Amino acid sequence: MASDLVTSIPANIPHTLSIDLNTKDTRKVRSYAGHVHVDNTEHPGTENHLFYWFFESQTCNPHVAVPDQQDLISRTPLLIWLNGGPGASSLLGLFLENGPLSIADDAAGTISVTPRSWNQEAHVVYWDQPLGTGYSYSDVEDEYVRDEEALGRMFWQALQEFFRLHPEYARCPLYVCGESYAGKYVPAIALEIDRRNSAGPEGRHLDLRGIAVGNGWITPELSLRVMIDYAYATGYLGISGRDSLLDSYAAFQTVLRAGDMKEATRLGNDLVNTVLAYGGNFDLYDVRRWDDISMGALRAYLNSPDVKKALHVHADVTWECGDNEGPVAEALVEDNMADASGKYGELIDKGYQTLLYTGNFDLACGYRCTEEILDGLMEQRGEQAEWRNAPRLVWTQAQQNPKGFVRRLRNLTQVAVPDSGHEVPAYQPEICREMLYNWLFDRPFAGYDPQQQAKPRNGNGGSRKA
């Protein structure tokens, strides 16, 4: 039995009940959790410890030995999931968005199994990174990642260690996925994997196939301008407040373009806080709400001794989680307002499947940002006209409102999801999972192109939804 096998977890903070995952009598899923240990090159003799929690695909049979279904395991996609922040643990994604477990909004921190998990047809591994996020830590005090290049290198090393522990998953088609500030992490990691694969024999070759990013923080200069416009359009700002913020935005741009990234981050964060204050402190991640999705008692649950023991985490390790605050964010102060859109262009050029999706009520990094980023990338590639002319399908469902709006051109897919805030898998779990699987397995998005000329049917005028 693997030393990192998760056999059962507490079903609540008091641990009055348990959820069995893989015991002698119950085998629901193969799940593994713990830390990989990466040598700290800055401080020889010490290590950095990155936490993972893996769930095998439900298409695999936990009652059957791995060697007897290795072909199935190896051809099943493996998804890496990363939350953003900076400083947000990816266990937020596991329990609140797309994992097989959920936590109730009650004092006991009641855990239940959810049918909406992304591991229905794919393996999924949730990583706490960079250092200082979630359960991940360093032997060296105040050791944090300060740029995306260092982050990518460390994560590649962590993947090498994970696949050393679990070579049965090493040949799986690999996809790096995430949301929000992971809009920076994901392409940096993917490019590092690509670089290492191309460099030759160092380390295990990873079968990277693509990336998926939801509501990504990619081009902050654009996101901040769109934020002001959206807050004004939705009535959270008046003309005077908008104009004042545009003056502040101009000052931010001057500092950003001068290359003072630390000051740009300070001014950018001030802009966000001022927009929210002018609007009565509405929810940055969903303009329809005043409060973000609740974590409930997740912090207390993950810091309970019995949960740590179940996940092979040392008792003295504290689960940390922040959203653009705390030491992880402070260490990335030079990175926060930098533009990462060029990395997406590189990955598209290299032929990797690329999915960008957005919830339409997100103020922080929503639909318009992604739309304009992709339009700009296609202009740089000389493909803007072709991209703009690609059909933008209304993705339909029988006798109900549309599921979304989909545009595809070769290896690039864009999906806008209505009635959703920042965390699309939490707001629209079934639609988001279907979107993901359509993209992963090249399944069709059933719908119609509303810009296509209406064709008469049976001699009568009228539109057709084919």
Protein backbone atom coordinates (compact mmCIF):
# COMPACT_ATOMS: atom_id res chain seq x y z
CA MET A 1 0.00 0.00 0.00
CA ALA A 2 1.35 3.43 -0.97
CA SER A 3 2.47 5.50 2.00
CA ASP A 4 0.46 8.51 0.76
CA LEU A 5 -2.81 6.61 0.20
CA VAL A 6 -5.78 8.43 1.73
CA THR A 7 -7.87 5.70 3.28
CA SER A 8 -10.50 7.87 4.99
CA ILE A 9 -11.05 11.45 6.11
CA PRO A 10 -13.03 13.01 8.96
CA ALA A 11 -16.59 13.87 7.91
CA ASN A 12 -16.59 16.90 10.22
CA ILE A 13 -14.32 18.85 12.54
CA PRO A 14 -15.24 16.89 15.72
CA HIS A 15 -14.54 13.68 13.75
CA THR A 16 -17.72 12.01 14.93
CA LEU A 17 -17.97 10.35 11.50
CA SER A 18 -15.58 9.38 8.72
CA ILE A 19 -15.78 9.16 4.93
CA ASP A 20 -14.03 6.03 3.75
CA LEU A 21 -12.22 6.33 0.42
CA ASN A 22 -10.05 3.25 0.22
CA THR A 23 -10.14 0.87 3.16
CA LYS A 24 -10.26 -2.90 3.53
CA ASP A 25 -14.05 -2.86 3.34
CA THR A 26 -14.69 0.20 1.17
CA ARG A 27 -12.95 1.18 -2.05
CA LYS A 28 -14.52 4.26 -3.60
CA VAL A 29 -11.50 5.87 -5.24
CA ARG A 30 -7.71 5.78 -5.22
CA SER A 31 -6.65 9.02 -3.59
CA TYR A 32 -3.18 10.11 -2.52
CA ALA A 33 -2.04 13.11 -0.49
CA GLY A 34 1.11 14.43 1.09
CA HIS A 35 4.18 16.47 0.32
CA VAL A 36 6.85 16.17 -2.33
CA HIS A 37 10.25 17.39 -1.21
CA VAL A 38 12.29 19.59 -3.53
CA ASP A 39 15.90 20.59 -2.87
CA ASN A 40 16.29 24.28 -2.06
CA THR A 41 19.02 25.48 -4.40
CA GLU A 42 19.26 28.84 -2.61
CA HIS A 43 19.95 27.15 0.72
CA PRO A 44 21.78 23.83 0.20
CA GLY A 45 20.86 21.13 2.67
CA THR A 46 17.29 22.36 3.04
CA GLU A 47 14.09 21.47 1.20
CA ASN A 48 10.84 22.99 0.01
CA HIS A 49 7.70 20.93 0.56
CA LEU A 50 4.75 21.19 -1.84
CA PHE A 51 1.43 19.57 -0.91
CA TYR A 52 -0.74 17.61 -3.35
CA TRP A 53 -4.06 15.75 -3.12
CA PHE A 54 -4.77 13.38 -6.00
CA PHE A 55 -8.02 11.67 -7.04
CA GLU A 56 -8.03 8.95 -9.66
CA SER A 57 -10.67 9.09 -12.38
CA GLN A 58 -13.94 7.36 -11.61
CA THR A 59 -13.57 5.56 -14.96
CA CYS A 60 -10.89 3.47 -13.26
CA ASN A 61 -11.85 0.68 -10.90
CA PRO A 62 -10.36 0.95 -7.39
CA HIS A 63 -11.10 -2.77 -6.88
CA VAL A 64 -8.79 -3.69 -9.76
CA ALA A 65 -5.02 -3.60 -9.33
CA VAL A 66 -3.20 -0.84 -11.19
CA PRO A 67 -1.17 -3.18 -13.47
CA ASP A 68 -4.39 -4.83 -14.63
CA GLN A 69 -5.81 -1.52 -15.90
CA GLN A 70 -2.63 0.40 -16.70
CA ASP A 71 -3.70 1.12 -20.29
CA LEU A 72 -6.93 2.74 -19.09
CA ILE A 73 -5.10 4.72 -16.40
CA SER A 74 -2.46 5.96 -18.87
CA ARG A 75 -4.87 7.14 -21.54
CA THR A 76 -7.03 9.03 -19.04
CA PRO A 77 -6.25 12.77 -18.87
CA LEU A 78 -4.57 14.07 -15.73
CA LEU A 79 -5.65 17.56 -14.71
CA ILE A 80 -3.57 19.77 -12.45
CA TRP A 81 -5.78 22.27 -10.59
CA LEU A 82 -4.39 25.54 -9.18
CA ASN A 83 -6.20 28.32 -7.37
CA GLY A 84 -4.77 31.83 -7.45
CA GLY A 85 -4.72 34.59 -4.85
CA PRO A 86 -1.77 34.90 -4.71
CA GLY A 87 -1.86 32.74 -1.60
CA ALA A 88 -5.12 30.85 -2.21
CA SER A 89 -4.93 27.14 -1.48
CA SER A 90 -6.11 24.84 -4.26
CA LEU A 91 -8.11 22.98 -1.64
CA LEU A 92 -10.59 25.83 -2.08
CA GLY A 93 -11.12 24.43 -5.56
CA LEU A 94 -11.42 20.91 -4.21
CA PHE A 95 -14.05 21.65 -1.53
CA LEU A 96 -15.89 24.64 -3.03
CA GLU A 97 -15.65 24.22 -6.81
CA ASN A 98 -14.79 21.07 -8.72
CA GLY A 99 -13.61 18.37 -6.33
CA PRO A 100 -15.31 15.16 -5.21
CA LEU A 101 -15.81 16.56 -1.71
CA SER A 102 -17.71 19.59 -0.46
CA ILE A 103 -17.97 21.37 2.87
CA ALA A 104 -21.25 22.65 4.26
CA ASP A 105 -21.60 26.21 5.53
CA ASP A 106 -22.06 25.09 9.13
CA ALA A 107 -20.04 25.26 12.33
CA ALA A 108 -19.22 21.55 12.27
CA GLY A 109 -17.61 21.71 8.83
CA THR A 110 -19.69 18.83 7.53
CA ILE A 111 -18.04 17.08 4.56
CA SER A 112 -19.99 15.23 1.90
CA VAL A 113 -19.28 13.49 -1.40
CA THR A 114 -20.46 15.48 -4.41
CA PRO A 115 -21.45 14.08 -7.83
CA ARG A 116 -20.17 17.18 -9.65
CA SER A 117 -16.46 16.42 -9.49
CA TRP A 118 -14.08 16.85 -12.40
CA ASN A 119 -12.63 13.40 -11.63
CA GLN A 120 -15.68 11.71 -13.13
CA GLU A 121 -13.72 11.14 -16.36
CA ALA A 122 -10.24 12.44 -15.54
CA HIS A 123 -7.60 12.15 -12.86
CA VAL A 124 -7.30 15.40 -10.87
CA VAL A 125 -4.51 16.54 -8.57
CA TYR A 126 -4.82 19.67 -6.44
CA TRP A 127 -1.54 21.43 -5.62
CA ASP A 128 -0.87 23.99 -2.93
CA GLN A 129 1.66 26.35 -4.49
CA PRO A 130 3.66 28.53 -4.44
CA LEU A 131 5.48 28.10 -1.12
CA GLY A 132 3.49 29.39 1.85
CA THR A 133 0.16 28.50 0.26
CA GLY A 134 -2.10 25.94 1.95
CA TYR A 135 -0.02 23.15 3.47
CA SER A 136 3.10 23.95 1.41
CA TYR A 137 6.14 25.28 3.24
CA SER A 138 9.93 25.56 3.28
CA ASP A 139 12.55 24.48 5.78
CA VAL A 140 13.87 28.04 5.49
CA GLU A 141 11.90 30.70 7.34
CA ASP A 142 10.37 33.39 5.12
CA GLU A 143 11.21 31.47 1.94
CA TYR A 144 8.76 32.41 -0.83
CA VAL A 145 8.67 32.47 -4.62
CA ARG A 146 9.24 35.92 -6.13
CA ASP A 147 8.69 35.42 -9.86
CA GLU A 148 6.93 33.10 -12.30
CA GLU A 149 10.17 31.62 -13.61
CA ALA A 150 11.19 30.38 -10.16
CA LEU A 151 7.63 29.16 -9.59
CA GLY A 152 7.70 27.17 -12.83
CA ARG A 153 11.06 25.57 -12.04
CA MET A 154 9.98 24.51 -8.56
CA PHE A 155 6.69 23.12 -9.79
CA TRP A 156 8.40 21.09 -12.52
CA GLN A 157 10.63 19.56 -9.85
CA ALA A 158 7.55 18.83 -7.74
CA LEU A 159 5.90 17.04 -10.65
CA GLN A 160 9.03 14.96 -11.17
CA GLU A 161 8.88 13.87 -7.54
CA PHE A 162 5.16 13.12 -7.73
CA PHE A 163 5.61 10.90 -10.78
CA ARG A 164 8.56 9.19 -9.11
CA LEU A 165 6.12 8.24 -6.33
CA HIS A 166 3.36 7.37 -8.80
CA PRO A 167 4.84 6.29 -12.14
CA GLU A 168 1.50 4.70 -13.04
CA TYR A 169 0.21 8.20 -13.91
CA ALA A 170 3.37 9.50 -15.58
CA ARG A 171 2.25 8.74 -19.14
CA CYS A 172 -1.19 10.36 -18.82
CA PRO A 173 -2.05 13.26 -21.13
CA LEU A 174 -1.33 16.25 -18.88
CA TYR A 175 -3.34 19.48 -18.66
CA VAL A 176 -2.51 22.43 -16.39
CA CYS A 177 -5.68 24.16 -15.18
CA GLY A 178 -6.53 26.97 -12.81
CA GLU A 179 -8.34 30.23 -12.20
CA SER A 180 -7.78 33.85 -11.23
CA TYR A 181 -4.11 34.56 -10.39
CA ALA A 182 -3.37 31.09 -11.71
CA GLY A 183 -3.84 32.85 -15.04
CA LYS A 184 -0.18 33.67 -14.44
CA TYR A 185 0.85 30.37 -12.82
CA VAL A 186 -0.61 28.08 -15.49
CA PRO A 187 1.23 29.37 -18.57
CA ALA A 188 4.49 29.76 -16.63
CA ILE A 189 4.32 26.12 -15.51
CA ALA A 190 3.29 24.89 -18.96
CA LEU A 191 6.18 26.71 -20.63
CA GLU A 192 8.63 25.30 -18.09
CA ILE A 193 7.36 21.78 -18.80
CA ASP A 194 7.70 22.45 -22.52
CA ARG A 195 11.23 23.78 -22.07
CA ARG A 196 12.32 20.81 -19.97
CA ASN A 197 10.76 18.36 -22.42
CA SER A 198 12.72 19.99 -25.24
CA ALA A 199 15.98 20.18 -23.30
CA GLY A 200 16.63 16.45 -23.39
CA PRO A 201 17.25 13.72 -20.87
CA GLU A 202 17.00 15.69 -17.61
CA GLY A 203 13.97 14.40 -15.75
CA ARG A 204 10.93 12.49 -16.93
CA HIS A 205 9.24 13.62 -20.15
CA LEU A 206 5.72 14.87 -19.34
CA ASP A 207 2.98 14.49 -21.93
CA LEU A 208 1.74 18.07 -21.76
CA ARG A 209 -1.31 18.52 -24.00
CA GLY A 210 -2.81 21.86 -23.00
CA ILE A 211 -3.96 24.45 -20.49
CA ALA A 212 -7.32 25.68 -19.20
CA VAL A 213 -7.80 28.96 -17.33
CA GLY A 214 -10.98 30.38 -15.86
CA ASN A 215 -11.34 34.12 -15.24
CA GLY A 216 -7.59 34.59 -15.44
CA TRP A 217 -5.63 37.53 -14.04
CA ILE A 218 -3.52 37.86 -17.18
CA THR A 219 -3.19 41.52 -18.25
CA PRO A 220 -3.79 43.59 -15.11
CA GLU A 221 -3.58 46.94 -16.89
CA LEU A 222 -6.59 45.94 -18.99
CA SER A 223 -8.42 44.29 -16.08
CA LEU A 224 -8.29 47.43 -13.95
CA ARG A 225 -9.68 49.62 -16.73
CA VAL A 226 -12.45 47.13 -17.44
CA MET A 227 -13.22 46.96 -13.71
CA ILE A 228 -13.90 50.70 -13.61
CA ASP A 229 -16.07 50.54 -16.73
CA TYR A 230 -18.05 47.55 -15.46
CA ALA A 231 -18.64 49.08 -12.02
CA TYR A 232 -19.92 52.23 -13.75
CA ALA A 233 -22.13 50.27 -16.16
CA THR A 234 -23.72 48.31 -13.31
CA GLY A 235 -24.44 51.42 -11.24
CA TYR A 236 -21.85 50.99 -8.51
CA LEU A 237 -20.10 54.19 -9.66
CA GLY A 238 -21.45 57.58 -10.61
CA ILE A 239 -19.84 59.82 -13.22
CA SER A 240 -17.84 61.76 -10.62
CA GLY A 241 -16.52 58.60 -8.98
CA ARG A 242 -15.70 57.08 -12.35
CA ASP A 243 -13.77 60.17 -13.45
CA SER A 244 -11.83 60.26 -10.20
CA LEU A 245 -10.90 56.62 -10.62
CA LEU A 246 -9.85 57.18 -14.23
CA ASP A 247 -7.45 59.86 -12.99
CA SER A 248 -6.02 57.35 -10.50
CA TYR A 249 -5.84 54.78 -13.27
CA ALA A 250 -3.79 57.15 -15.42
CA ALA A 251 -1.34 57.57 -12.54
CA PHE A 252 -1.15 53.79 -12.22
CA GLN A 253 -0.40 53.46 -15.94
CA THR A 254 2.42 55.99 -15.73
CA VAL A 255 4.10 54.06 -12.92
CA LEU A 256 3.51 50.69 -14.61
CA ARG A 257 5.03 51.81 -17.89
CA ALA A 258 8.00 53.26 -16.05
CA GLY A 259 8.69 49.74 -14.76
CA ASP A 260 8.14 50.43 -11.06
CA MET A 261 6.25 47.20 -10.49
CA LYS A 262 6.10 47.39 -6.72
CA GLU A 263 4.48 50.83 -6.82
CA ALA A 264 2.21 49.72 -9.66
CA THR A 265 0.96 46.86 -7.50
CA ARG A 266 0.26 49.26 -4.63
CA LEU A 267 -1.64 51.67 -6.88
CA GLY A 268 -3.48 48.84 -8.62
CA ASN A 269 -4.64 47.35 -5.34
CA ASP A 270 -5.70 50.82 -4.16
CA LEU A 271 -7.80 51.17 -7.31
CA VAL A 272 -9.61 47.91 -6.61
CA ASN A 273 -10.29 48.85 -2.99
CA THR A 274 -11.57 52.29 -3.98
CA VAL A 275 -13.94 50.90 -6.60
CA LEU A 276 -15.40 48.54 -4.02
CA ALA A 277 -15.67 51.29 -1.41
CA TYR A 278 -17.44 53.65 -3.81
CA GLY A 279 -19.92 50.85 -4.55
CA GLY A 280 -20.72 50.05 -0.92
CA ASN A 281 -18.28 47.11 -0.79
CA PHE A 282 -20.05 44.80 -3.21
CA ASP A 283 -18.46 41.46 -4.14
CA LEU A 284 -15.49 41.87 -6.46
CA TYR A 285 -16.07 38.37 -7.82
CA ASP A 286 -19.81 38.63 -8.50
CA VAL A 287 -21.44 42.03 -9.00
CA ARG A 288 -24.81 40.54 -7.97
CA ARG A 289 -23.59 39.81 -4.43
CA TRP A 290 -22.25 41.58 -1.38
CA ASP A 291 -20.19 38.65 -0.13
CA ASP A 292 -17.95 36.14 -1.87
CA ILE A 293 -18.59 32.40 -1.73
CA SER A 294 -18.21 31.31 1.87
CA MET A 295 -15.34 29.08 2.94
CA GLY A 296 -17.46 27.97 5.87
CA ALA A 297 -15.37 26.15 8.44
CA LEU A 298 -12.78 24.98 5.89
CA ARG A 299 -9.87 26.63 7.69
CA ALA A 300 -10.79 24.98 10.99
CA TYR A 301 -11.37 21.65 9.27
CA LEU A 302 -8.04 21.61 7.43
CA ASN A 303 -6.16 22.70 10.55
CA SER A 304 -7.68 19.94 12.69
CA PRO A 305 -5.17 17.28 13.81
CA ASP A 306 -7.25 14.37 12.51
CA VAL A 307 -7.52 15.84 9.00
CA LYS A 308 -3.79 16.50 8.85
CA LYS A 309 -3.10 12.95 9.93
CA ALA A 310 -5.44 11.58 7.25
CA LEU A 311 -3.64 13.66 4.59
CA HIS A 312 -0.12 12.80 5.84
CA VAL A 313 0.60 16.37 6.93
CA HIS A 314 2.76 17.01 9.99
CA ALA A 315 0.80 18.29 12.96
CA ASP A 316 2.89 21.47 13.21
CA VAL A 317 2.13 22.55 9.62
CA THR A 318 -0.57 25.24 9.45
CA TRP A 319 -2.92 25.43 6.48
CA GLU A 320 -2.62 29.00 5.17
CA CYS A 321 -4.92 30.71 2.70
CA GLY A 322 -5.09 34.31 1.49
CA ASP A 323 -6.48 36.26 -1.44
CA ASN A 324 -3.86 38.73 -2.65
CA GLU A 325 -2.69 39.38 0.88
CA GLY A 326 -0.10 37.93 3.22
CA PRO A 327 3.50 36.87 2.64
CA VAL A 328 2.88 34.90 -0.60
CA ALA A 329 1.34 37.95 -2.26
CA GLU A 330 3.98 40.26 -0.81
CA ALA A 331 6.74 38.11 -2.29
CA LEU A 332 5.10 38.37 -5.74
CA VAL A 333 4.69 42.15 -5.58
CA GLU A 334 6.90 42.62 -8.65
CA ASP A 335 4.86 40.06 -10.58
CA ASN A 336 1.32 41.11 -9.70
CA MET A 337 0.76 43.79 -12.33
CA ALA A 338 3.00 42.27 -15.03
CA ASP A 339 1.39 41.23 -18.31
CA ALA A 340 1.35 37.45 -18.87
CA SER A 341 -0.56 37.43 -22.17
CA GLY A 342 2.58 36.77 -24.23
CA LYS A 343 2.96 33.38 -22.55
CA TYR A 344 -0.42 32.34 -23.94
CA GLY A 345 0.71 33.36 -27.39
CA GLU A 346 3.78 31.13 -27.03
CA LEU A 347 1.69 28.15 -25.97
CA ILE A 348 -0.79 28.64 -28.79
CA ASP A 349 2.10 28.90 -31.25
CA LYS A 350 3.52 25.65 -29.91
CA GLY A 351 0.24 23.89 -30.65
CA TYR A 352 -0.99 23.26 -27.11
CA GLN A 353 -4.75 23.04 -26.65
CA THR A 354 -5.80 26.25 -24.90
CA LEU A 355 -9.13 26.91 -23.18
CA LEU A 356 -10.04 30.25 -21.62
CA TYR A 357 -13.46 30.50 -19.98
CA THR A 358 -15.17 33.23 -17.98
CA GLY A 359 -18.16 33.89 -15.77
CA ASN A 360 -19.92 37.03 -16.92
CA PHE A 361 -20.58 38.67 -13.53
CA ASP A 362 -16.94 38.79 -12.39
CA LEU A 363 -15.60 42.30 -11.90
CA ALA A 364 -11.99 41.28 -11.24
CA CYS A 365 -11.03 39.45 -14.44
CA GLY A 366 -14.13 38.62 -16.39
CA TYR A 367 -15.32 38.17 -19.96
CA ARG A 368 -14.29 41.46 -21.55
CA CYS A 369 -10.70 41.09 -20.37
CA THR A 370 -10.35 37.64 -21.91
CA GLU A 371 -12.12 38.75 -25.10
CA GLU A 372 -9.76 41.66 -25.65
CA ILE A 373 -6.64 39.72 -24.64
CA LEU A 374 -7.40 37.02 -27.20
CA ASP A 375 -8.26 39.58 -29.85
CA GLY A 376 -4.90 41.26 -29.26
CA LEU A 377 -3.00 37.97 -29.37
CA MET A 378 -4.65 37.05 -32.65
CA GLU A 379 -3.80 40.46 -34.07
CA GLN A 380 -0.13 39.89 -33.20
CA ARG A 381 -0.27 36.52 -34.96
CA GLY A 382 -1.88 38.01 -38.06
CA GLU A 383 -5.03 35.97 -37.43
CA GLN A 384 -7.35 38.61 -35.98
CA ALA A 385 -9.78 38.59 -38.92
CA GLU A 386 -9.98 34.80 -38.91
CA TRP A 387 -10.54 34.76 -35.13
CA ARG A 388 -13.22 37.44 -35.27
CA ASN A 389 -14.97 35.62 -38.10
CA ALA A 390 -14.94 32.26 -36.33
CA PRO A 391 -18.51 31.31 -35.40
CA ARG A 392 -19.47 32.30 -31.87
CA LEU A 393 -21.98 29.59 -31.08
CA VAL A 394 -24.86 29.90 -28.67
CA TRP A 395 -24.31 26.67 -26.72
CA THR A 396 -27.82 25.40 -26.11
CA GLN A 397 -29.68 23.03 -23.86
CA ALA A 398 -33.13 21.65 -24.55
CA GLN A 399 -35.97 24.05 -23.62
CA GLN A 400 -33.77 26.08 -21.29
CA ASN A 401 -31.54 29.14 -21.38
CA PRO A 402 -28.19 28.83 -23.18
CA LYS A 403 -25.32 27.15 -21.39
CA GLY A 404 -22.78 29.54 -22.83
CA PHE A 405 -21.14 31.08 -25.85
CA VAL A 406 -18.34 29.20 -27.58
CA ARG A 407 -15.73 30.21 -30.13
CA ARG A 408 -13.05 27.85 -31.44
CA LEU A 409 -10.21 28.24 -33.90
CA ARG A 410 -7.79 25.34 -34.23
CA ASN A 411 -6.19 24.83 -30.79
CA LEU A 412 -7.83 27.84 -29.11
CA THR A 413 -11.24 27.65 -27.41
CA GLN A 414 -13.06 30.47 -25.62
CA VAL A 415 -16.22 29.94 -23.57
CA ALA A 416 -18.34 32.58 -21.83
CA VAL A 417 -20.64 31.15 -19.13
CA PRO A 418 -23.79 33.15 -18.25
CA ASP A 419 -25.16 33.48 -14.73
CA SER A 420 -21.75 32.93 -13.19
CA GLY A 421 -19.28 34.85 -11.09
CA HIS A 422 -15.53 34.44 -10.78
CA GLU A 423 -15.50 30.79 -9.69
CA VAL A 424 -17.34 29.25 -12.64
CA PRO A 425 -17.14 25.62 -11.37
CA ALA A 426 -18.91 26.72 -8.18
CA TYR A 427 -21.65 28.75 -9.88
CA GLN A 428 -22.32 26.41 -12.81
CA PRO A 429 -20.81 23.04 -11.86
CA GLU A 430 -22.56 20.78 -14.37
CA ILE A 431 -22.16 23.18 -17.28
CA CYS A 432 -18.52 23.85 -16.40
CA ARG A 433 -17.68 20.16 -16.24
CA GLU A 434 -19.45 19.51 -19.54
CA MET A 435 -17.50 22.39 -21.07
CA LEU A 436 -14.24 20.92 -19.79
CA TYR A 437 -15.00 17.43 -21.11
CA ASN A 438 -16.14 18.75 -24.48
CA TRP A 439 -12.77 20.47 -24.74
CA LEU A 440 -10.72 17.56 -23.37
CA PHE A 441 -12.36 14.85 -25.45
CA ASP A 442 -13.17 16.94 -28.53
CA ARG A 443 -16.91 16.56 -28.07
CA PRO A 444 -19.25 18.96 -29.86
CA PHE A 445 -20.75 22.07 -28.29
CA ALA A 446 -24.30 21.73 -29.61
CA GLY A 447 -25.64 25.10 -30.66
CA TYR A 448 -26.12 27.62 -33.43
CA ASP A 449 -24.47 30.70 -34.87
CA PRO A 450 -26.85 33.65 -34.39
CA GLN A 451 -24.94 35.71 -36.95
CA GLN A 452 -25.53 33.17 -39.66
CA GLN A 453 -28.05 34.39 -42.20
CA ALA A 454 -31.54 33.11 -41.39
CA LYS A 455 -32.71 30.51 -43.85
CA PRO A 456 -36.36 29.95 -44.80
CA ARG A 457 -37.82 26.63 -43.82
CA ASN A 458 -40.69 24.97 -45.66
CA GLY A 459 -41.13 28.10 -47.69
CA ASN A 460 -41.69 30.26 -44.60
CA GLY A 461 -39.40 32.94 -43.26
CA GLY A 462 -37.92 32.71 -39.81
CA SER A 463 -34.75 31.81 -38.05
CA ARG A 464 -33.46 28.32 -37.63
CA LYS A 465 -31.50 27.00 -34.68
CA ALA A 466 -29.64 24.11 -36.22
